[in-house]
Amino acid sequence: MIGNQDIVILRDWARRVAEVASLSVMEQRRHMWVRHNRMERVRPMILVFPEGSWRELLPDRTLRCSDDSARAIERDLRMRLYSHEHLHDDKPVEGRWTVGKAIHVSGWGLEPRRNLSPDPTGAWAFVPVIHEPGDLDKLRFPEVTLDPAETERRLDEAHALFDGILDVQAKGVAHISFHLMSTYVHLRGLEQVMWDMYDDPRMLHAAMTFLEEGNRRLVQQYVDLNLLSLNNDDTYHSSGGVGYSSELPAPGFDPSRVRPCDMWSSAEAQELAQVSPQMHAEFILQYEKRLLEPFGLNGYGCCEDLTDKLADVLSIPHMRRVSIAPSADVDRCAEKLGRRAIYSWKPQPSHLVGGFDVDFVRNYIRHTLEASRGCVVEMVLKDTHTCEGHPERFTMWTDIAQELAQQY
């Protein structure tokens, strides 16, 4: 239970969030995202996600609550306020507290293993648990269960804490994203999967077939248990923008039962960044394509370079957002993509470390905006694992991006 002193602190932060959420600029931002997501070129939209850098922007020592659960809530509220006050991007602040329904998804029958680094933020190595085709028989389809009592407990706690301040809402599964290759690589090992494309393609296809069916069954269980929730709001979509949309839900929508066609969905295969378009299409895209087809709007990609794979990606039904990675050829991607889907550009996060060169950053962003004049563009600064103790760099970067976005 959260203590009275922590409750006072949390309600104070919640009131500040509610005040910011009521500002007229937030409604303007929502409207801009709706237009942007239906392929109108409003202006290049900007989102900034400090991710690993949050420990430098909002250190644990600055939190005022004492209880661990209260500190987690405080951090969420203060991150919203920090974004508004310092990041200056186009992220709307919502006066809502979302309670996740108590949904449990069982595993795939095998658990990944890793060799960990002694450094808390260091790299780790794969330890394969699938060694031969027969090991695929150990895989199991995941099963979904809902705990109504725990869901109700979470809601009661949130209402007691925020009623009269924030709008408390329960949500089920609102983020649908398929990661078949990631799931398998964690069980088989990345290097071995690369070899399998040559040495044992039948085994790799068998694994993808199983994972496709397992993910299809997952979605069907969400439907059968009525666990899907709309994501045409501030829900983060794929590795791109937020989901505000006037096109979703689809015609015939029943508010009491959300369907896949009412939602955004996405997929990615970062592990296959270095393989040819032909191998990408053979070993992963065909499986993802079938999984994405039932959804209303789709996105594709994350940090993998899709420059030479865009034709295949654009063949996915209802494709609306494509990730343009830091390593991608922004000029060629703009030429190929045009207005066929949102050009979701991921600028290079490493520019926030070392010496922050204002002129270099400005010219770097300008080049992409110039190249993508014929596209519907968003800039999503993410994978920023450190700013080397210089939080002001996020503000400087975003202010430069906003200045240039106004020009384009």
Protein backbone atom coordinates (compact mmCIF):
# COMPACT_ATOMS: atom_id res chain seq x y z
CA MET A 1 0.00 0.00 0.00
CA ILE A 2 1.23 3.51 -0.84
CA GLY A 3 1.71 5.63 2.26
CA ASN A 4 -0.11 8.91 2.88
CA GLN A 5 2.97 11.06 2.37
CA ASP A 6 3.67 9.43 -1.00
CA ILE A 7 0.01 9.89 -1.97
CA VAL A 8 0.31 13.63 -1.36
CA ILE A 9 3.43 13.78 -3.52
CA LEU A 10 1.89 11.77 -6.37
CA ARG A 11 -1.30 13.81 -6.43
CA ASP A 12 0.75 16.98 -6.62
CA TRP A 13 2.65 15.69 -9.66
CA ALA A 14 -0.63 14.44 -11.20
CA ARG A 15 -2.20 17.91 -10.88
CA ARG A 16 0.76 19.39 -12.73
CA VAL A 17 0.37 16.79 -15.49
CA ALA A 18 -3.36 17.57 -15.74
CA GLU A 19 -2.59 21.28 -16.08
CA VAL A 20 -0.13 20.67 -18.89
CA ALA A 21 -2.51 18.24 -20.65
CA SER A 22 -5.21 20.93 -20.70
CA LEU A 23 -3.05 23.41 -22.61
CA SER A 24 -4.40 24.29 -26.06
CA VAL A 25 -1.12 23.24 -27.70
CA MET A 26 -1.82 19.61 -26.78
CA GLU A 27 -5.03 19.57 -28.78
CA GLN A 28 -3.18 21.21 -31.66
CA ARG A 29 -0.56 18.46 -31.53
CA ARG A 30 -3.20 15.71 -31.50
CA HIS A 31 -4.85 17.22 -34.55
CA MET A 32 -1.51 17.48 -36.34
CA TRP A 33 -0.78 13.80 -35.67
CA VAL A 34 -4.20 12.81 -37.02
CA ARG A 35 -3.50 14.68 -40.25
CA HIS A 36 0.06 13.37 -40.41
CA ASN A 37 -1.06 9.76 -39.93
CA ARG A 38 -3.56 10.03 -42.76
CA MET A 39 -0.69 11.06 -45.05
CA GLU A 40 -1.10 14.82 -45.06
CA ARG A 41 2.20 16.70 -45.10
CA VAL A 42 1.60 18.97 -42.10
CA ARG A 43 5.29 19.52 -41.40
CA PRO A 44 7.97 17.09 -40.26
CA MET A 45 6.78 15.83 -36.87
CA ILE A 46 9.25 15.30 -34.02
CA LEU A 47 9.38 12.77 -31.19
CA VAL A 48 12.22 12.39 -28.69
CA PHE A 49 12.69 9.33 -26.47
CA PRO A 50 15.66 9.60 -24.08
CA GLU A 51 15.35 5.87 -23.20
CA GLY A 52 18.62 4.91 -21.47
CA SER A 53 19.44 8.56 -20.87
CA TRP A 54 16.52 8.98 -18.47
CA ARG A 55 18.83 7.89 -15.66
CA GLU A 56 20.82 11.07 -16.41
CA LEU A 57 17.86 13.37 -17.04
CA LEU A 58 15.84 12.20 -14.04
CA PRO A 59 18.19 10.42 -11.59
CA ASP A 60 16.73 8.21 -8.88
CA ARG A 61 18.04 10.56 -6.21
CA THR A 62 15.64 13.27 -7.40
CA LEU A 63 12.55 11.16 -6.72
CA ARG A 64 10.68 12.20 -3.58
CA CYS A 65 8.52 9.13 -2.87
CA SER A 66 9.83 6.41 -0.55
CA ASP A 67 7.86 3.31 -1.60
CA ASP A 68 9.14 1.51 -4.73
CA SER A 69 5.71 1.32 -6.40
CA ALA A 70 5.09 5.00 -5.64
CA ARG A 71 8.51 5.92 -7.06
CA ALA A 72 7.64 4.13 -10.31
CA ILE A 73 4.43 6.17 -10.60
CA GLU A 74 6.29 9.37 -9.72
CA ARG A 75 8.87 8.68 -12.40
CA ASP A 76 6.14 8.21 -15.04
CA LEU A 77 4.46 11.50 -14.13
CA ARG A 78 7.72 13.45 -13.95
CA MET A 79 8.90 12.08 -17.29
CA ARG A 80 5.80 13.59 -18.89
CA LEU A 81 6.51 16.93 -17.25
CA TYR A 82 10.20 16.82 -18.13
CA SER A 83 9.36 16.11 -21.77
CA HIS A 84 7.03 19.10 -21.88
CA GLU A 85 9.43 21.46 -20.14
CA HIS A 86 12.73 20.44 -21.71
CA LEU A 87 12.38 18.28 -24.83
CA HIS A 88 10.07 20.57 -26.87
CA ASP A 89 8.99 17.84 -29.29
CA ASP A 90 5.48 17.15 -30.65
CA LYS A 91 4.46 14.56 -28.08
CA PRO A 92 1.01 15.41 -26.62
CA VAL A 93 0.75 15.15 -22.84
CA GLU A 94 -2.45 13.33 -21.90
CA GLY A 95 -4.30 13.83 -18.61
CA ARG A 96 -4.86 10.11 -18.32
CA TRP A 97 -3.60 7.30 -16.10
CA THR A 98 -3.75 3.97 -17.90
CA VAL A 99 -4.08 0.76 -15.91
CA GLY A 100 -2.93 -2.35 -17.73
CA LYS A 101 -5.22 -5.32 -17.37
CA ALA A 102 -3.59 -8.26 -15.57
CA ILE A 103 -2.86 -10.34 -18.67
CA HIS A 104 -0.41 -13.23 -18.60
CA VAL A 105 1.10 -14.79 -21.72
CA SER A 106 2.93 -18.08 -21.23
CA GLY A 107 6.21 -18.66 -23.00
CA TRP A 108 7.21 -20.68 -26.05
CA GLY A 109 8.25 -23.79 -24.10
CA LEU A 110 11.95 -22.87 -24.05
CA GLU A 111 13.60 -20.02 -22.18
CA PRO A 112 16.45 -17.98 -23.74
CA ARG A 113 19.86 -18.12 -22.08
CA ARG A 114 22.57 -15.45 -22.09
CA ASN A 115 26.13 -14.84 -20.99
CA LEU A 116 25.81 -11.55 -19.15
CA SER A 117 28.32 -8.74 -18.87
CA PRO A 118 29.61 -7.70 -15.44
CA ASP A 119 28.73 -4.14 -16.50
CA PRO A 120 25.02 -3.45 -15.75
CA THR A 121 24.68 -1.70 -19.12
CA GLY A 122 27.14 -3.94 -20.98
CA ALA A 123 26.54 -6.34 -23.84
CA TRP A 124 25.54 -9.97 -23.44
CA ALA A 125 26.07 -13.04 -25.64
CA PHE A 126 23.57 -15.62 -26.94
CA VAL A 127 23.62 -19.10 -25.40
CA PRO A 128 21.63 -21.29 -27.84
CA VAL A 129 19.04 -23.70 -26.44
CA ILE A 130 17.93 -24.98 -29.87
CA HIS A 131 20.76 -27.06 -31.39
CA GLU A 132 19.12 -29.31 -33.98
CA PRO A 133 15.80 -29.69 -35.85
CA GLY A 134 14.45 -32.08 -33.22
CA ASP A 135 14.67 -29.33 -30.61
CA LEU A 136 11.89 -27.47 -32.40
CA ASP A 137 9.53 -30.12 -31.00
CA LYS A 138 10.12 -28.59 -27.56
CA LEU A 139 8.41 -25.37 -28.59
CA ARG A 140 4.86 -24.72 -27.39
CA PHE A 141 2.19 -22.23 -28.46
CA PRO A 142 1.75 -19.48 -25.83
CA GLU A 143 -1.50 -19.31 -23.88
CA VAL A 144 -3.22 -16.14 -22.67
CA THR A 145 -5.00 -15.74 -19.34
CA LEU A 146 -6.65 -12.78 -17.62
CA ASP A 147 -6.78 -12.20 -13.86
CA PRO A 148 -9.98 -10.16 -13.31
CA ALA A 149 -9.42 -9.80 -9.55
CA GLU A 150 -5.93 -8.35 -10.00
CA THR A 151 -7.20 -6.07 -12.76
CA GLU A 152 -9.90 -4.76 -10.43
CA ARG A 153 -7.37 -4.26 -7.63
CA ARG A 154 -5.15 -2.19 -9.92
CA LEU A 155 -8.11 -0.07 -11.03
CA ASP A 156 -9.29 0.52 -7.46
CA GLU A 157 -5.80 1.65 -6.45
CA ALA A 158 -5.57 4.04 -9.40
CA HIS A 159 -9.04 5.50 -8.79
CA ALA A 160 -8.23 6.06 -5.12
CA LEU A 161 -5.04 7.83 -6.12
CA PHE A 162 -6.09 9.92 -9.13
CA ASP A 163 -9.89 10.37 -9.23
CA GLY A 164 -10.72 14.02 -9.74
CA ILE A 165 -7.25 14.68 -11.18
CA LEU A 166 -6.46 12.26 -14.00
CA ASP A 167 -8.81 10.15 -16.14
CA VAL A 168 -8.25 6.55 -15.01
CA GLN A 169 -8.72 3.99 -17.79
CA ALA A 170 -8.14 0.25 -18.08
CA LYS A 171 -6.45 -1.05 -21.22
CA GLY A 172 -5.85 -4.52 -22.50
CA VAL A 173 -3.52 -5.28 -25.39
CA ALA A 174 -2.98 -1.98 -27.21
CA HIS A 175 0.48 -2.55 -28.70
CA ILE A 176 0.63 -5.29 -31.32
CA SER A 177 4.09 -5.91 -32.75
CA PHE A 178 5.50 -9.07 -34.27
CA HIS A 179 9.13 -10.09 -33.61
CA LEU A 180 9.42 -13.61 -34.99
CA MET A 181 13.10 -13.50 -35.86
CA SER A 182 14.01 -11.92 -32.52
CA THR A 183 12.14 -14.67 -30.67
CA TYR A 184 13.95 -17.38 -32.61
CA VAL A 185 17.40 -15.79 -32.50
CA HIS A 186 17.23 -15.66 -28.71
CA LEU A 187 16.69 -19.43 -28.72
CA ARG A 188 18.98 -20.44 -31.60
CA GLY A 189 21.70 -17.77 -31.53
CA LEU A 190 22.21 -15.02 -34.12
CA GLU A 191 25.33 -16.44 -35.75
CA GLN A 192 23.79 -19.88 -36.08
CA VAL A 193 20.67 -18.45 -37.74
CA MET A 194 22.94 -16.81 -40.31
CA TRP A 195 24.52 -20.21 -41.05
CA ASP A 196 21.10 -21.90 -41.17
CA MET A 197 20.06 -19.81 -44.18
CA TYR A 198 22.71 -21.72 -46.15
CA ASP A 199 23.16 -24.98 -44.25
CA ASP A 200 19.63 -25.79 -43.07
CA PRO A 201 17.00 -23.49 -44.59
CA ARG A 202 14.30 -26.12 -43.99
CA MET A 203 14.87 -25.89 -40.23
CA LEU A 204 14.67 -22.09 -40.30
CA HIS A 205 11.44 -22.19 -42.33
CA ALA A 206 9.99 -24.74 -39.91
CA ALA A 207 10.77 -22.42 -37.00
CA MET A 208 9.22 -19.40 -38.71
CA THR A 209 6.13 -21.43 -39.64
CA PHE A 210 5.68 -22.41 -35.99
CA LEU A 211 6.20 -18.85 -34.73
CA GLU A 212 3.79 -17.44 -37.31
CA GLU A 213 1.10 -19.87 -36.20
CA GLY A 214 1.84 -19.17 -32.54
CA ASN A 215 1.49 -15.42 -33.05
CA ARG A 216 -1.72 -15.90 -35.04
CA ARG A 217 -3.11 -17.94 -32.14
CA LEU A 218 -2.03 -15.24 -29.69
CA VAL A 219 -4.01 -12.60 -31.56
CA GLN A 220 -7.02 -14.91 -31.78
CA GLN A 221 -6.89 -15.47 -28.03
CA TYR A 222 -6.84 -11.71 -27.47
CA VAL A 223 -9.94 -11.49 -29.68
CA ASP A 224 -11.72 -14.41 -28.00
CA LEU A 225 -11.02 -13.03 -24.51
CA ASN A 226 -11.96 -9.50 -25.64
CA LEU A 227 -8.58 -8.13 -24.56
CA LEU A 228 -7.77 -5.84 -27.49
CA SER A 229 -7.87 -2.07 -26.86
CA LEU A 230 -7.84 0.76 -29.37
CA ASN A 231 -4.45 2.33 -30.07
CA ASN A 232 -5.53 5.33 -32.18
CA ASP A 233 -4.32 7.66 -29.41
CA ASP A 234 -0.95 8.45 -27.82
CA THR A 235 0.04 4.77 -27.96
CA TYR A 236 3.54 4.52 -29.38
CA HIS A 237 3.46 2.66 -32.68
CA SER A 238 6.19 0.38 -33.99
CA SER A 239 9.45 2.32 -33.75
CA GLY A 240 7.81 5.39 -35.18
CA GLY A 241 5.15 7.89 -34.19
CA VAL A 242 2.05 7.86 -32.06
CA GLY A 243 -1.24 6.39 -33.18
CA TYR A 244 -3.72 9.31 -33.35
CA SER A 245 -5.95 8.50 -36.32
CA SER A 246 -9.29 9.39 -37.86
CA GLU A 247 -9.16 6.19 -39.97
CA LEU A 248 -9.34 3.89 -36.96
CA PRO A 249 -11.43 2.23 -35.72
CA ALA A 250 -12.72 0.72 -38.95
CA PRO A 251 -16.34 0.97 -40.13
CA GLY A 252 -18.71 -1.27 -38.18
CA PHE A 253 -16.81 -0.72 -34.93
CA ASP A 254 -18.43 -2.01 -31.72
CA PRO A 255 -16.96 -0.17 -28.69
CA SER A 256 -17.49 -3.25 -26.56
CA ARG A 257 -15.28 -5.46 -28.74
CA VAL A 258 -12.17 -4.20 -30.53
CA ARG A 259 -11.09 -6.09 -33.67
CA PRO A 260 -7.67 -6.28 -35.34
CA CYS A 261 -9.00 -4.15 -38.21
CA ASP A 262 -9.58 -1.34 -35.67
CA MET A 263 -5.91 -1.20 -34.68
CA TRP A 264 -2.36 -0.33 -35.67
CA SER A 265 0.13 -3.19 -35.81
CA SER A 266 3.78 -3.59 -36.84
CA ALA A 267 6.66 -5.97 -37.41
CA GLU A 268 10.44 -5.84 -37.72
CA ALA A 269 13.44 -8.09 -38.33
CA GLN A 270 16.51 -6.21 -37.15
CA GLU A 271 18.46 -9.46 -36.93
CA LEU A 272 18.36 -9.75 -40.74
CA ALA A 273 19.69 -6.23 -41.37
CA GLN A 274 22.70 -7.55 -43.30
CA VAL A 275 21.01 -10.19 -45.48
CA SER A 276 19.91 -9.64 -49.07
CA PRO A 277 16.40 -8.49 -49.98
CA GLN A 278 15.77 -11.96 -51.40
CA MET A 279 16.71 -13.70 -48.15
CA HIS A 280 14.75 -11.17 -46.12
CA ALA A 281 11.67 -11.84 -48.24
CA GLU A 282 12.11 -15.61 -48.04
CA PHE A 283 12.95 -16.13 -44.40
CA ILE A 284 10.86 -13.53 -42.59
CA LEU A 285 8.75 -11.10 -44.63
CA GLN A 286 6.32 -13.67 -46.00
CA TYR A 287 5.48 -14.78 -42.45
CA GLU A 288 5.12 -11.23 -41.10
CA LYS A 289 3.02 -10.18 -44.08
CA ARG A 290 0.32 -12.75 -43.30
CA LEU A 291 0.25 -11.75 -39.62
CA LEU A 292 -0.11 -8.04 -40.43
CA GLU A 293 -2.81 -8.41 -43.08
CA PRO A 294 -5.86 -8.36 -40.69
CA PHE A 295 -4.89 -5.05 -39.05
CA GLY A 296 -6.22 -1.64 -40.03
CA LEU A 297 -2.89 0.20 -40.35
CA ASN A 298 0.62 -1.24 -40.26
CA GLY A 299 4.21 -0.17 -39.76
CA TYR A 300 7.45 -1.93 -40.48
CA GLY A 301 11.04 -1.79 -39.36
CA CYS A 302 13.11 -0.52 -36.47
CA CYS A 303 16.90 -0.06 -36.58
CA GLU A 304 17.54 -2.19 -39.68
CA ASP A 305 18.45 -0.55 -42.97
CA LEU A 306 15.53 -1.13 -45.36
CA THR A 307 16.91 0.93 -48.27
CA ASP A 308 17.05 -2.05 -50.65
CA LYS A 309 13.98 -3.79 -49.19
CA LEU A 310 11.37 -1.05 -49.48
CA ALA A 311 9.61 -2.58 -52.48
CA ASP A 312 8.92 -5.75 -50.50
CA VAL A 313 7.94 -3.82 -47.36
CA LEU A 314 5.48 -1.69 -49.30
CA SER A 315 3.74 -4.85 -50.53
CA ILE A 316 2.48 -5.47 -46.97
CA PRO A 317 -1.25 -4.70 -46.77
CA HIS A 318 -2.30 -1.41 -45.14
CA MET A 319 1.31 -0.22 -44.83
CA ARG A 320 1.37 3.27 -43.34
CA ARG A 321 4.70 3.81 -41.54
CA VAL A 322 8.20 2.66 -42.56
CA SER A 323 11.27 3.04 -40.37
CA ILE A 324 14.25 4.78 -41.98
CA ALA A 325 17.18 3.72 -39.79
CA PRO A 326 20.27 5.85 -39.00
CA SER A 327 22.28 3.63 -41.36
CA ALA A 328 19.81 3.94 -44.25
CA ASP A 329 20.45 5.95 -47.42
CA VAL A 330 17.99 8.78 -46.75
CA ASP A 331 18.08 10.07 -50.33
CA ARG A 332 17.30 6.71 -51.94
CA CYS A 333 14.68 5.90 -49.33
CA ALA A 334 12.89 9.18 -49.98
CA GLU A 335 12.89 8.52 -53.72
CA LYS A 336 11.50 5.00 -53.29
CA LEU A 337 8.99 5.79 -50.56
CA GLY A 338 7.49 9.05 -51.77
CA ARG A 339 3.96 9.44 -50.39
CA ARG A 340 3.27 5.70 -50.19
CA ALA A 341 3.87 5.57 -46.41
CA ILE A 342 5.17 7.78 -43.62
CA TYR A 343 8.92 8.36 -43.79
CA SER A 344 9.75 7.56 -40.14
CA TRP A 345 13.35 8.77 -39.91
CA LYS A 346 15.57 7.72 -37.00
CA PRO A 347 18.39 10.28 -36.72
CA GLN A 348 21.77 9.13 -35.45
CA PRO A 349 21.61 9.06 -31.60
CA SER A 350 25.41 9.06 -31.28
CA HIS A 351 25.40 12.77 -32.12
CA LEU A 352 24.43 13.38 -28.48
CA VAL A 353 27.73 11.98 -27.20
CA GLY A 354 31.24 13.36 -27.55
CA GLY A 355 31.35 16.99 -28.51
CA PHE A 356 27.88 18.28 -29.45
CA ASP A 357 28.46 20.06 -32.75
CA VAL A 358 25.50 22.38 -33.36
CA ASP A 359 26.39 23.17 -36.97
CA PHE A 360 26.96 19.51 -37.81
CA VAL A 361 23.60 18.49 -36.30
CA ARG A 362 21.80 21.28 -38.15
CA ASN A 363 23.33 20.33 -41.51
CA TYR A 364 22.69 16.63 -40.86
CA ILE A 365 18.97 17.16 -40.18
CA ARG A 366 18.65 19.66 -43.04
CA HIS A 367 20.06 17.15 -45.52
CA THR A 368 17.37 14.57 -44.70
CA LEU A 369 14.55 17.14 -44.72
CA GLU A 370 15.75 18.41 -48.09
CA ALA A 371 15.95 14.88 -49.50
CA SER A 372 12.47 13.98 -48.21
CA ARG A 373 10.55 17.04 -49.42
CA GLY A 374 8.17 14.77 -51.33
CA CYS A 375 7.43 12.57 -48.30
CA VAL A 376 5.35 12.69 -45.13
CA VAL A 377 8.15 12.89 -42.59
CA GLU A 378 8.62 12.29 -38.89
CA MET A 379 11.88 12.50 -36.93
CA VAL A 380 12.10 10.03 -34.03
CA LEU A 381 15.21 10.43 -31.87
CA LYS A 382 15.56 7.18 -29.93
CA ASP A 383 18.10 4.57 -28.78
CA THR A 384 19.78 7.39 -26.88
CA HIS A 385 21.48 5.29 -24.20
CA THR A 386 23.50 8.19 -22.79
CA CYS A 387 23.98 11.92 -23.19
CA GLU A 388 27.15 11.78 -21.08
CA GLY A 389 25.56 13.78 -18.30
CA HIS A 390 24.50 16.66 -20.57
CA PRO A 391 20.67 16.71 -20.57
CA GLU A 392 20.70 20.08 -22.32
CA ARG A 393 21.81 18.33 -25.50
CA PHE A 394 18.31 16.88 -25.93
CA THR A 395 16.84 20.39 -25.72
CA MET A 396 19.41 21.77 -28.16
CA TRP A 397 18.86 18.93 -30.64
CA THR A 398 15.08 19.24 -30.54
CA ASP A 399 15.12 23.04 -30.85
CA ILE A 400 17.30 22.71 -33.97
CA ALA A 401 14.93 20.09 -35.39
CA GLN A 402 11.88 22.26 -34.66
CA GLU A 403 13.50 25.27 -36.31
CA LEU A 404 14.21 23.28 -39.46
CA ALA A 405 10.81 21.53 -39.43
CA GLN A 406 9.12 24.94 -39.63
CA GLN A 407 11.16 25.66 -42.77
CA TYR A 408 10.07 22.43 -44.46
